[in-house]
Amino acid sequence: MLRYTLMRLGIFVACLVVVWGLVYSGLAPSGLGDSNGLWVVLLALLISAPISLVVLRKERDRASEGIVRRVERAKANLDANRNQEDAADDTARAQGQTQGQTS
């Protein structure tokens, strides 16, 4: 997951540098008034999103498989804990019933 995030960040930074160069060279329009920095960042985000979607497809699939494995492992651990609690509760109730019968 970290690898995918870093790759996505790298694509964004590359787009940011390219857009910044285009805006400051006058080839792309600059923002209104003092919004030039925000304009450059938003335009870089807009350009980097579809590039990341296409270029990082395999890496995104690998990351999502890792997430699915972790979620399944967590569910299995929760089920195991729940079963242990149920068994302990059943044992305690059975002991309570046998003590109640002997009293």
PDB file of N, CA and C in Angstrom:
ATOM      1  N   MET A   1       0.821  -1.188   0.000  1.00  0.00           N
ATOM      2  CA  MET A   1       0.000   0.000   0.000  1.00  0.00           C
ATOM      3  C   MET A   1       0.871   1.260   0.000  1.00  0.00           C
ATOM      4  N   LEU A   2       1.956   1.204   0.754  1.00  0.00           N
ATOM      5  CA  LEU A   2       2.859   2.352   0.805  1.00  0.00           C
ATOM      6  C   LEU A   2       3.487   2.600  -0.562  1.00  0.00           C
ATOM      7  N   ARG A   3       3.819   1.513  -1.239  1.00  0.00           N
ATOM      8  CA  ARG A   3       4.428   1.643  -2.571  1.00  0.00           C
ATOM      9  C   ARG A   3       3.469   2.341  -3.535  1.00  0.00           C
ATOM     10  N   TYR A   4       2.205   1.927  -3.520  1.00  0.00           N
ATOM     11  CA  TYR A   4       1.209   2.554  -4.388  1.00  0.00           C
ATOM     12  C   TYR A   4       1.051   4.032  -4.052  1.00  0.00           C
ATOM     13  N   THR A   5       0.993   4.332  -2.774  1.00  0.00           N
ATOM     14  CA  THR A   5       0.832   5.729  -2.353  1.00  0.00           C
ATOM     15  C   THR A   5       2.013   6.581  -2.805  1.00  0.00           C
ATOM     16  N   LEU A   6       3.218   6.043  -2.645  1.00  0.00           N
ATOM     17  CA  LEU A   6       4.396   6.795  -3.074  1.00  0.00           C
ATOM     18  C   LEU A   6       4.440   6.973  -4.593  1.00  0.00           C
ATOM     19  N   MET A   7       4.034   5.944  -5.324  1.00  0.00           N
ATOM     20  CA  MET A   7       4.000   6.066  -6.786  1.00  0.00           C
ATOM     21  C   MET A   7       2.961   7.109  -7.217  1.00  0.00           C
ATOM     22  N   ARG A   8       1.829   7.101  -6.552  1.00  0.00           N
ATOM     23  CA  ARG A   8       0.779   8.074  -6.874  1.00  0.00           C
ATOM     24  C   ARG A   8       1.250   9.488  -6.548  1.00  0.00           C
ATOM     25  N   LEU A   9       1.929   9.634  -5.421  1.00  0.00           N
ATOM     26  CA  LEU A   9       2.481  10.936  -5.043  1.00  0.00           C
ATOM     27  C   LEU A   9       3.527  11.389  -6.057  1.00  0.00           C
ATOM     28  N   GLY A  10       4.340  10.459  -6.532  1.00  0.00           N
ATOM     29  CA  GLY A  10       5.338  10.789  -7.539  1.00  0.00           C
ATOM     30  C   GLY A  10       4.726  11.288  -8.827  1.00  0.00           C
ATOM     31  N   ILE A  11       3.643  10.646  -9.257  1.00  0.00           N
ATOM     32  CA  ILE A  11       2.947  11.101 -10.468  1.00  0.00           C
ATOM     33  C   ILE A  11       2.377  12.497 -10.256  1.00  0.00           C
ATOM     34  N   PHE A  12       1.806  12.734  -9.068  1.00  0.00           N
ATOM     35  CA  PHE A  12       1.256  14.062  -8.786  1.00  0.00           C
ATOM     36  C   PHE A  12       2.357  15.122  -8.797  1.00  0.00           C
ATOM     37  N   VAL A  13       3.483  14.828  -8.172  1.00  0.00           N
ATOM     38  CA  VAL A  13       4.580  15.807  -8.122  1.00  0.00           C
ATOM     39  C   VAL A  13       5.102  16.086  -9.530  1.00  0.00           C
ATOM     40  N   ALA A  14       5.205  15.047 -10.345  1.00  0.00           N
ATOM     41  CA  ALA A  14       5.656  15.256 -11.724  1.00  0.00           C
ATOM     42  C   ALA A  14       4.669  16.143 -12.480  1.00  0.00           C
ATOM     43  N   CYS A  15       3.391  15.889 -12.315  1.00  0.00           N
ATOM     44  CA  CYS A  15       2.378  16.732 -12.963  1.00  0.00           C
ATOM     45  C   CYS A  15       2.423  18.160 -12.425  1.00  0.00           C
ATOM     46  N   LEU A  16       2.653  18.293 -11.131  1.00  0.00           N
ATOM     47  CA  LEU A  16       2.743  19.618 -10.524  1.00  0.00           C
ATOM     48  C   LEU A  16       3.897  20.408 -11.126  1.00  0.00           C
ATOM     49  N   VAL A  17       5.037  19.776 -11.312  1.00  0.00           N
ATOM     50  CA  VAL A  17       6.199  20.455 -11.897  1.00  0.00           C
ATOM     51  C   VAL A  17       5.909  20.860 -13.342  1.00  0.00           C
ATOM     52  N   VAL A  18       5.283  19.952 -14.086  1.00  0.00           N
ATOM     53  CA  VAL A  18       4.974  20.255 -15.493  1.00  0.00           C
ATOM     54  C   VAL A  18       3.966  21.391 -15.586  1.00  0.00           C
ATOM     55  N   VAL A  19       2.903  21.327 -14.795  1.00  0.00           N
ATOM     56  CA  VAL A  19       1.884  22.389 -14.831  1.00  0.00           C
ATOM     57  C   VAL A  19       2.479  23.709 -14.378  1.00  0.00           C
ATOM     58  N   TRP A  20       3.280  23.676 -13.331  1.00  0.00           N
ATOM     59  CA  TRP A  20       3.911  24.911 -12.858  1.00  0.00           C
ATOM     60  C   TRP A  20       4.769  25.524 -13.965  1.00  0.00           C
ATOM     61  N   GLY A  21       5.524  24.678 -14.658  1.00  0.00           N
ATOM     62  CA  GLY A  21       6.348  25.173 -15.758  1.00  0.00           C
ATOM     63  C   GLY A  21       5.515  25.762 -16.884  1.00  0.00           C
ATOM     64  N   LEU A  22       4.403  25.107 -17.205  1.00  0.00           N
ATOM     65  CA  LEU A  22       3.534  25.603 -18.280  1.00  0.00           C
ATOM     66  C   LEU A  22       2.863  26.921 -17.904  1.00  0.00           C
ATOM     67  N   VAL A  23       2.419  27.030 -16.654  1.00  0.00           N
ATOM     68  CA  VAL A  23       1.750  28.267 -16.219  1.00  0.00           C
ATOM     69  C   VAL A  23       2.743  29.426 -16.178  1.00  0.00           C
ATOM     70  N   TYR A  24       3.905  29.184 -15.627  1.00  0.00           N
ATOM     71  CA  TYR A  24       4.860  30.278 -15.496  1.00  0.00           C
ATOM     72  C   TYR A  24       5.560  30.624 -16.807  1.00  0.00           C
ATOM     73  N   SER A  25       5.508  29.717 -17.777  1.00  0.00           N
ATOM     74  CA  SER A  25       6.052  30.067 -19.095  1.00  0.00           C
ATOM     75  C   SER A  25       5.006  30.740 -19.973  1.00  0.00           C
ATOM     76  N   GLY A  26       3.751  30.748 -19.500  1.00  0.00           N
ATOM     77  CA  GLY A  26       2.689  31.404 -20.237  1.00  0.00           C
ATOM     78  C   GLY A  26       1.968  30.491 -21.223  1.00  0.00           C
ATOM     79  N   LEU A  27       2.313  29.217 -21.285  1.00  0.00           N
ATOM     80  CA  LEU A  27       1.658  28.285 -22.204  1.00  0.00           C
ATOM     81  C   LEU A  27       0.316  27.798 -21.680  1.00  0.00           C
ATOM     82  N   ALA A  28       0.107  27.864 -20.361  1.00  0.00           N
ATOM     83  CA  ALA A  28      -1.179  27.512 -19.755  1.00  0.00           C
ATOM     84  C   ALA A  28      -1.681  28.741 -19.015  1.00  0.00           C
ATOM     85  N   PRO A  29      -2.993  28.901 -18.938  1.00  0.00           N
ATOM     86  CA  PRO A  29      -3.527  30.096 -18.267  1.00  0.00           C
ATOM     87  C   PRO A  29      -3.233  30.075 -16.772  1.00  0.00           C
ATOM     88  N   SER A  30      -2.984  31.244 -16.222  1.00  0.00           N
ATOM     89  CA  SER A  30      -2.767  31.346 -14.781  1.00  0.00           C
ATOM     90  C   SER A  30      -4.110  31.588 -14.105  1.00  0.00           C
ATOM     91  N   GLY A  31      -4.150  31.418 -12.802  1.00  0.00           N
ATOM     92  CA  GLY A  31      -5.391  31.603 -12.064  1.00  0.00           C
ATOM     93  C   GLY A  31      -5.781  33.063 -11.983  1.00  0.00           C
ATOM     94  N   LEU A  32      -6.929  33.304 -11.383  1.00  0.00           N
ATOM     95  CA  LEU A  32      -7.421  34.666 -11.214  1.00  0.00           C
ATOM     96  C   LEU A  32      -6.809  35.308  -9.981  1.00  0.00           C
ATOM     97  N   GLY A  33      -6.280  36.464 -10.119  1.00  0.00           N
ATOM     98  CA  GLY A  33      -5.730  37.205  -8.986  1.00  0.00           C
ATOM     99  C   GLY A  33      -4.612  36.461  -8.287  1.00  0.00           C
ATOM    100  N   ASP A  34      -4.800  36.243  -6.978  1.00  0.00           N
ATOM    101  CA  ASP A  34      -3.784  35.568  -6.171  1.00  0.00           C
ATOM    102  C   ASP A  34      -3.996  34.055  -6.098  1.00  0.00           C
ATOM    103  N   SER A  35      -4.872  33.493  -6.908  1.00  0.00           N
ATOM    104  CA  SER A  35      -5.189  32.068  -6.823  1.00  0.00           C
ATOM    105  C   SER A  35      -4.270  31.202  -7.674  1.00  0.00           C
ATOM    106  N   ASN A  36      -3.155  31.745  -8.128  1.00  0.00           N
ATOM    107  CA  ASN A  36      -2.287  31.020  -9.046  1.00  0.00           C
ATOM    108  C   ASN A  36      -1.765  29.708  -8.444  1.00  0.00           C
ATOM    109  N   GLY A  37      -1.339  29.725  -7.190  1.00  0.00           N
ATOM    110  CA  GLY A  37      -0.837  28.506  -6.553  1.00  0.00           C
ATOM    111  C   GLY A  37      -1.904  27.429  -6.458  1.00  0.00           C
ATOM    112  N   LEU A  38      -3.101  27.827  -6.051  1.00  0.00           N
ATOM    113  CA  LEU A  38      -4.208  26.884  -5.967  1.00  0.00           C
ATOM    114  C   LEU A  38      -4.565  26.343  -7.348  1.00  0.00           C
ATOM    115  N   TRP A  39      -4.529  27.202  -8.350  1.00  0.00           N
ATOM    116  CA  TRP A  39      -4.817  26.805  -9.723  1.00  0.00           C
ATOM    117  C   TRP A  39      -3.833  25.729 -10.188  1.00  0.00           C
ATOM    118  N   VAL A  40      -2.574  25.919  -9.907  1.00  0.00           N
ATOM    119  CA  VAL A  40      -1.541  24.967 -10.329  1.00  0.00           C
ATOM    120  C   VAL A  40      -1.765  23.615  -9.641  1.00  0.00           C
ATOM    121  N   VAL A  41      -2.044  23.626  -8.343  1.00  0.00           N
ATOM    122  CA  VAL A  41      -2.263  22.388  -7.600  1.00  0.00           C
ATOM    123  C   VAL A  41      -3.510  21.662  -8.113  1.00  0.00           C
ATOM    124  N   LEU A  42      -4.602  22.387  -8.296  1.00  0.00           N
ATOM    125  CA  LEU A  42      -5.835  21.751  -8.776  1.00  0.00           C
ATOM    126  C   LEU A  42      -5.678  21.188 -10.186  1.00  0.00           C
ATOM    127  N   LEU A  43      -5.009  21.918 -11.041  1.00  0.00           N
ATOM    128  CA  LEU A  43      -4.780  21.428 -12.397  1.00  0.00           C
ATOM    129  C   LEU A  43      -3.889  20.195 -12.388  1.00  0.00           C
ATOM    130  N   ALA A  44      -2.881  20.181 -11.519  1.00  0.00           N
ATOM    131  CA  ALA A  44      -2.013  19.000 -11.394  1.00  0.00           C
ATOM    132  C   ALA A  44      -2.798  17.797 -10.872  1.00  0.00           C
ATOM    133  N   LEU A  45      -3.698  18.024  -9.911  1.00  0.00           N
ATOM    134  CA  LEU A  45      -4.545  16.936  -9.415  1.00  0.00           C
ATOM    135  C   LEU A  45      -5.446  16.397 -10.520  1.00  0.00           C
ATOM    136  N   LEU A  46      -6.016  17.287 -11.273  1.00  0.00           N
ATOM    137  CA  LEU A  46      -6.916  16.901 -12.363  1.00  0.00           C
ATOM    138  C   LEU A  46      -6.191  16.092 -13.433  1.00  0.00           C
ATOM    139  N   ILE A  47      -4.971  16.421 -13.692  1.00  0.00           N
ATOM    140  CA  ILE A  47      -4.203  15.710 -14.719  1.00  0.00           C
ATOM    141  C   ILE A  47      -3.642  14.393 -14.165  1.00  0.00           C
ATOM    142  N   SER A  48      -3.198  14.390 -12.916  1.00  0.00           N
ATOM    143  CA  SER A  48      -2.555  13.195 -12.363  1.00  0.00           C
ATOM    144  C   SER A  48      -3.545  12.077 -12.053  1.00  0.00           C
ATOM    145  N   ALA A  49      -4.801  12.400 -11.780  1.00  0.00           N
ATOM    146  CA  ALA A  49      -5.781  11.365 -11.421  1.00  0.00           C
ATOM    147  C   ALA A  49      -5.984  10.337 -12.536  1.00  0.00           C
ATOM    148  N   PRO A  50      -6.298  10.753 -13.772  1.00  0.00           N
ATOM    149  CA  PRO A  50      -6.471   9.729 -14.816  1.00  0.00           C
ATOM    150  C   PRO A  50      -5.160   9.020 -15.181  1.00  0.00           C
ATOM    151  N   ILE A  51      -4.044   9.725 -15.075  1.00  0.00           N
ATOM    152  CA  ILE A  51      -2.755   9.080 -15.351  1.00  0.00           C
ATOM    153  C   ILE A  51      -2.507   7.972 -14.329  1.00  0.00           C
ATOM    154  N   SER A  52      -2.752   8.248 -13.056  1.00  0.00           N
ATOM    155  CA  SER A  52      -2.587   7.246 -12.007  1.00  0.00           C
ATOM    156  C   SER A  52      -3.544   6.083 -12.210  1.00  0.00           C
ATOM    157  N   LEU A  53      -4.749   6.387 -12.627  1.00  0.00           N
ATOM    158  CA  LEU A  53      -5.749   5.345 -12.845  1.00  0.00           C
ATOM    159  C   LEU A  53      -5.283   4.340 -13.890  1.00  0.00           C
ATOM    160  N   VAL A  54      -4.658   4.816 -14.941  1.00  0.00           N
ATOM    161  CA  VAL A  54      -4.213   3.936 -16.027  1.00  0.00           C
ATOM    162  C   VAL A  54      -2.857   3.309 -15.711  1.00  0.00           C
ATOM    163  N   VAL A  55      -1.905   4.119 -15.303  1.00  0.00           N
ATOM    164  CA  VAL A  55      -0.527   3.652 -15.141  1.00  0.00           C
ATOM    165  C   VAL A  55      -0.374   2.723 -13.931  1.00  0.00           C
ATOM    166  N   LEU A  56      -1.095   2.982 -12.868  1.00  0.00           N
ATOM    167  CA  LEU A  56      -0.909   2.225 -11.624  1.00  0.00           C
ATOM    168  C   LEU A  56      -1.959   1.134 -11.426  1.00  0.00           C
ATOM    169  N   ARG A  57      -2.586   0.680 -12.479  1.00  0.00           N
ATOM    170  CA  ARG A  57      -3.663  -0.313 -12.357  1.00  0.00           C
ATOM    171  C   ARG A  57      -3.171  -1.586 -11.653  1.00  0.00           C
ATOM    172  N   LYS A  58      -2.061  -2.139 -12.099  1.00  0.00           N
ATOM    173  CA  LYS A  58      -1.558  -3.388 -11.493  1.00  0.00           C
ATOM    174  C   LYS A  58      -1.151  -3.183 -10.042  1.00  0.00           C
ATOM    175  N   GLU A  59      -0.509  -2.076  -9.771  1.00  0.00           N
ATOM    176  CA  GLU A  59      -0.089  -1.788  -8.398  1.00  0.00           C
ATOM    177  C   GLU A  59      -1.301  -1.579  -7.490  1.00  0.00           C
ATOM    178  N   ARG A  60      -2.344  -0.940  -7.997  1.00  0.00           N
ATOM    179  CA  ARG A  60      -3.566  -0.731  -7.223  1.00  0.00           C
ATOM    180  C   ARG A  60      -4.236  -2.074  -6.923  1.00  0.00           C
ATOM    181  N   ASP A  61      -4.239  -2.982  -7.901  1.00  0.00           N
ATOM    182  CA  ASP A  61      -4.809  -4.310  -7.680  1.00  0.00           C
ATOM    183  C   ASP A  61      -4.029  -5.064  -6.608  1.00  0.00           C
ATOM    184  N   ARG A  62      -2.701  -4.975  -6.643  1.00  0.00           N
ATOM    185  CA  ARG A  62      -1.879  -5.620  -5.616  1.00  0.00           C
ATOM    186  C   ARG A  62      -2.174  -5.036  -4.232  1.00  0.00           C
ATOM    187  N   ALA A  63      -2.301  -3.731  -4.166  1.00  0.00           N
ATOM    188  CA  ALA A  63      -2.583  -3.082  -2.882  1.00  0.00           C
ATOM    189  C   ALA A  63      -3.949  -3.504  -2.351  1.00  0.00           C
ATOM    190  N   SER A  64      -4.939  -3.578  -3.220  1.00  0.00           N
ATOM    191  CA  SER A  64      -6.276  -3.959  -2.767  1.00  0.00           C
ATOM    192  C   SER A  64      -6.305  -5.420  -2.329  1.00  0.00           C
ATOM    193  N   GLU A  65      -5.526  -6.287  -2.974  1.00  0.00           N
ATOM    194  CA  GLU A  65      -5.450  -7.677  -2.536  1.00  0.00           C
ATOM    195  C   GLU A  65      -4.839  -7.765  -1.131  1.00  0.00           C
ATOM    196  N   GLY A  66      -3.842  -6.950  -0.878  1.00  0.00           N
ATOM    197  CA  GLY A  66      -3.241  -6.915   0.460  1.00  0.00           C
ATOM    198  C   GLY A  66      -4.234  -6.448   1.511  1.00  0.00           C
ATOM    199  N   ILE A  67      -5.032  -5.465   1.169  1.00  0.00           N
ATOM    200  CA  ILE A  67      -6.043  -4.965   2.099  1.00  0.00           C
ATOM    201  C   ILE A  67      -7.085  -6.039   2.376  1.00  0.00           C
ATOM    202  N   VAL A  68      -7.512  -6.734   1.325  1.00  0.00           N
ATOM    203  CA  VAL A  68      -8.505  -7.800   1.487  1.00  0.00           C
ATOM    204  C   VAL A  68      -7.953  -8.899   2.397  1.00  0.00           C
ATOM    205  N   ARG A  69      -6.678  -9.273   2.208  1.00  0.00           N
ATOM    206  CA  ARG A  69      -6.067 -10.290   3.066  1.00  0.00           C
ATOM    207  C   ARG A  69      -6.055  -9.842   4.526  1.00  0.00           C
ATOM    208  N   ARG A  70      -5.714  -8.590   4.771  1.00  0.00           N
ATOM    209  CA  ARG A  70      -5.677  -8.094   6.150  1.00  0.00           C
ATOM    210  C   ARG A  70      -7.067  -8.070   6.776  1.00  0.00           C
ATOM    211  N   VAL A  71      -8.072  -7.681   5.998  1.00  0.00           N
ATOM    212  CA  VAL A  71      -9.445  -7.651   6.516  1.00  0.00           C
ATOM    213  C   VAL A  71      -9.922  -9.065   6.823  1.00  0.00           C
ATOM    214  N   GLU A  72      -9.632 -10.014   5.942  1.00  0.00           N
ATOM    215  CA  GLU A  72     -10.030 -11.399   6.191  1.00  0.00           C
ATOM    216  C   GLU A  72      -9.329 -11.967   7.423  1.00  0.00           C
ATOM    217  N   ARG A  73      -8.049 -11.638   7.600  1.00  0.00           N
ATOM    218  CA  ARG A  73      -7.313 -12.093   8.775  1.00  0.00           C
ATOM    219  C   ARG A  73      -7.925 -11.499  10.040  1.00  0.00           C
ATOM    220  N   ALA A  74      -8.303 -10.221   9.993  1.00  0.00           N
ATOM    221  CA  ALA A  74      -8.913  -9.577  11.157  1.00  0.00           C
ATOM    222  C   ALA A  74     -10.270 -10.212  11.474  1.00  0.00           C
ATOM    223  N   LYS A  75     -11.048 -10.521  10.438  1.00  0.00           N
ATOM    224  CA  LYS A  75     -12.344 -11.179  10.657  1.00  0.00           C
ATOM    225  C   LYS A  75     -12.146 -12.555  11.280  1.00  0.00           C
ATOM    226  N   ALA A  76     -11.147 -13.293  10.797  1.00  0.00           N
ATOM    227  CA  ALA A  76     -10.878 -14.621  11.355  1.00  0.00           C
ATOM    228  C   ALA A  76     -10.471 -14.513  12.823  1.00  0.00           C
ATOM    229  N   ASN A  77      -9.656 -13.528  13.153  1.00  0.00           N
ATOM    230  CA  ASN A  77      -9.258 -13.326  14.553  1.00  0.00           C
ATOM    231  C   ASN A  77     -10.453 -12.965  15.422  1.00  0.00           C
ATOM    232  N   LEU A  78     -11.345 -12.127  14.908  1.00  0.00           N
ATOM    233  CA  LEU A  78     -12.543 -11.761  15.664  1.00  0.00           C
ATOM    234  C   LEU A  78     -13.437 -12.975  15.882  1.00  0.00           C
ATOM    235  N   ASP A  79     -13.597 -13.798  14.841  1.00  0.00           N
ATOM    236  CA  ASP A  79     -14.405 -15.003  14.989  1.00  0.00           C
ATOM    237  C   ASP A  79     -13.796 -15.953  16.006  1.00  0.00           C
ATOM    238  N   ALA A  80     -12.479 -16.108  15.969  1.00  0.00           N
ATOM    239  CA  ALA A  80     -11.804 -16.987  16.933  1.00  0.00           C
ATOM    240  C   ALA A  80     -11.998 -16.463  18.353  1.00  0.00           C
ATOM    241  N   ASN A  81     -11.876 -15.161  18.534  1.00  0.00           N
ATOM    242  CA  ASN A  81     -12.084 -14.571  19.866  1.00  0.00           C
ATOM    243  C   ASN A  81     -13.526 -14.756  20.319  1.00  0.00           C
ATOM    244  N   ARG A  82     -14.456 -14.557  19.399  1.00  0.00           N
ATOM    245  CA  ARG A  82     -15.875 -14.707  19.727  1.00  0.00           C
ATOM    246  C   ARG A  82     -16.161 -16.155  20.133  1.00  0.00           C
ATOM    247  N   ASN A  83     -15.576 -17.122  19.418  1.00  0.00           N
ATOM    248  CA  ASN A  83     -15.793 -18.526  19.746  1.00  0.00           C
ATOM    249  C   ASN A  83     -15.199 -18.872  21.106  1.00  0.00           C
ATOM    250  N   GLN A  84     -14.036 -18.285  21.426  1.00  0.00           N
ATOM    251  CA  GLN A  84     -13.436 -18.516  22.741  1.00  0.00           C
ATOM    252  C   GLN A  84     -14.327 -17.949  23.848  1.00  0.00           C
ATOM    253  N   GLU A  85     -14.881 -16.768  23.615  1.00  0.00           N
ATOM    254  CA  GLU A  85     -15.759 -16.155  24.613  1.00  0.00           C
ATOM    255  C   GLU A  85     -17.027 -16.982  24.778  1.00  0.00           C
ATOM    256  N   ASP A  86     -17.581 -17.476  23.669  1.00  0.00           N
ATOM    257  CA  ASP A  86     -18.785 -18.293  23.748  1.00  0.00           C
ATOM    258  C   ASP A  86     -18.515 -19.585  24.514  1.00  0.00           C
ATOM    259  N   ALA A  87     -17.372 -20.197  24.244  1.00  0.00           N
ATOM    260  CA  ALA A  87     -17.028 -21.440  24.941  1.00  0.00           C
ATOM    261  C   ALA A  87     -16.834 -21.175  26.429  1.00  0.00           C
ATOM    262  N   ALA A  88     -16.175 -20.086  26.766  1.00  0.00           N
ATOM    263  CA  ALA A  88     -15.966 -19.748  28.179  1.00  0.00           C
ATOM    264  C   ALA A  88     -17.297 -19.462  28.867  1.00  0.00           C
ATOM    265  N   ASP A  89     -18.188 -18.774  28.163  1.00  0.00           N
ATOM    266  CA  ASP A  89     -19.497 -18.460  28.720  1.00  0.00           C
ATOM    267  C   ASP A  89     -20.311 -19.738  28.921  1.00  0.00           C
ATOM    268  N   ASP A  90     -20.276 -20.630  27.946  1.00  0.00           N
ATOM    269  CA  ASP A  90     -20.999 -21.899  28.071  1.00  0.00           C
ATOM    270  C   ASP A  90     -20.463 -22.720  29.235  1.00  0.00           C
ATOM    271  N   THR A  91     -19.140 -22.737  29.393  1.00  0.00           N
ATOM    272  CA  THR A  91     -18.526 -23.474  30.497  1.00  0.00           C
ATOM    273  C   THR A  91     -18.946 -22.884  31.834  1.00  0.00           C
ATOM    274  N   ALA A  92     -18.943 -21.568  31.942  1.00  0.00           N
ATOM    275  CA  ALA A  92     -19.329 -20.903  33.185  1.00  0.00           C
ATOM    276  C   ALA A  92     -20.794 -21.169  33.501  1.00  0.00           C
ATOM    277  N   ARG A  93     -21.651 -21.163  32.506  1.00  0.00           N
ATOM    278  CA  ARG A  93     -23.069 -21.427  32.747  1.00  0.00           C
ATOM    279  C   ARG A  93     -23.293 -22.886  33.178  1.00  0.00           C
ATOM    280  N   ALA A  94     -22.545 -23.771  32.530  1.00  0.00           N
ATOM    281  CA  ALA A  94     -22.693 -25.182  32.882  1.00  0.00           C
ATOM    282  C   ALA A  94     -22.225 -25.418  34.317  1.00  0.00           C
ATOM    283  N   GLN A  95     -21.149 -24.774  34.706  1.00  0.00           N
ATOM    284  CA  GLN A  95     -20.668 -24.912  36.087  1.00  0.00           C
ATOM    285  C   GLN A  95     -21.644 -24.304  37.073  1.00  0.00           C
ATOM    286  N   GLY A  96     -22.263 -23.190  36.670  1.00  0.00           N
ATOM    287  CA  GLY A  96     -23.248 -22.545  37.534  1.00  0.00           C
ATOM    288  C   GLY A  96     -24.484 -23.408  37.721  1.00  0.00           C
ATOM    289  N   GLN A  97     -24.896 -24.111  36.692  1.00  0.00           N
ATOM    290  CA  GLN A  97     -26.067 -24.963  36.775  1.00  0.00           C
ATOM    291  C   GLN A  97     -25.783 -26.186  37.649  1.00  0.00           C
ATOM    292  N   THR A  98     -24.571 -26.741  37.485  1.00  0.00           N
ATOM    293  CA  THR A  98     -24.239 -27.916  38.294  1.00  0.00           C
ATOM    294  C   THR A  98     -24.085 -27.538  39.769  1.00  0.00           C
ATOM    295  N   GLN A  99     -23.599 -26.342  40.053  1.00  0.00           N
ATOM    296  CA  GLN A  99     -23.491 -25.901  41.442  1.00  0.00           C
ATOM    297  C   GLN A  99     -24.862 -25.627  42.013  1.00  0.00           C
ATOM    298  N   GLY A 100     -25.745 -25.097  41.184  1.00  0.00           N
ATOM    299  CA  GLY A 100     -27.104 -24.815  41.646  1.00  0.00           C
ATOM    300  C   GLY A 100     -27.880 -26.090  41.941  1.00  0.00           C
ATOM    301  N   GLN A 101     -27.593 -27.176  41.250  1.00  0.00           N
ATOM    302  CA  GLN A 101     -28.270 -28.435  41.462  1.00  0.00           C
ATOM    303  C   GLN A 101     -27.759 -29.132  42.720  1.00  0.00           C
ATOM    304  N   THR A 102     -26.483 -28.935  43.019  1.00  0.00           N
ATOM    305  CA  THR A 102     -25.924 -29.588  44.194  1.00  0.00           C
ATOM    306  C   THR A 102     -26.248 -28.840  45.475  1.00  0.00           C
ATOM    307  N   SER A 103     -26.666 -27.607  45.410  1.00  0.00           N
ATOM    308  CA  SER A 103     -26.952 -26.822  46.613  1.00  0.00           C
ATOM    309  C   SER A 103     -28.293 -27.151  47.191  1.00  0.00           C
TER     310      SER A 103
END
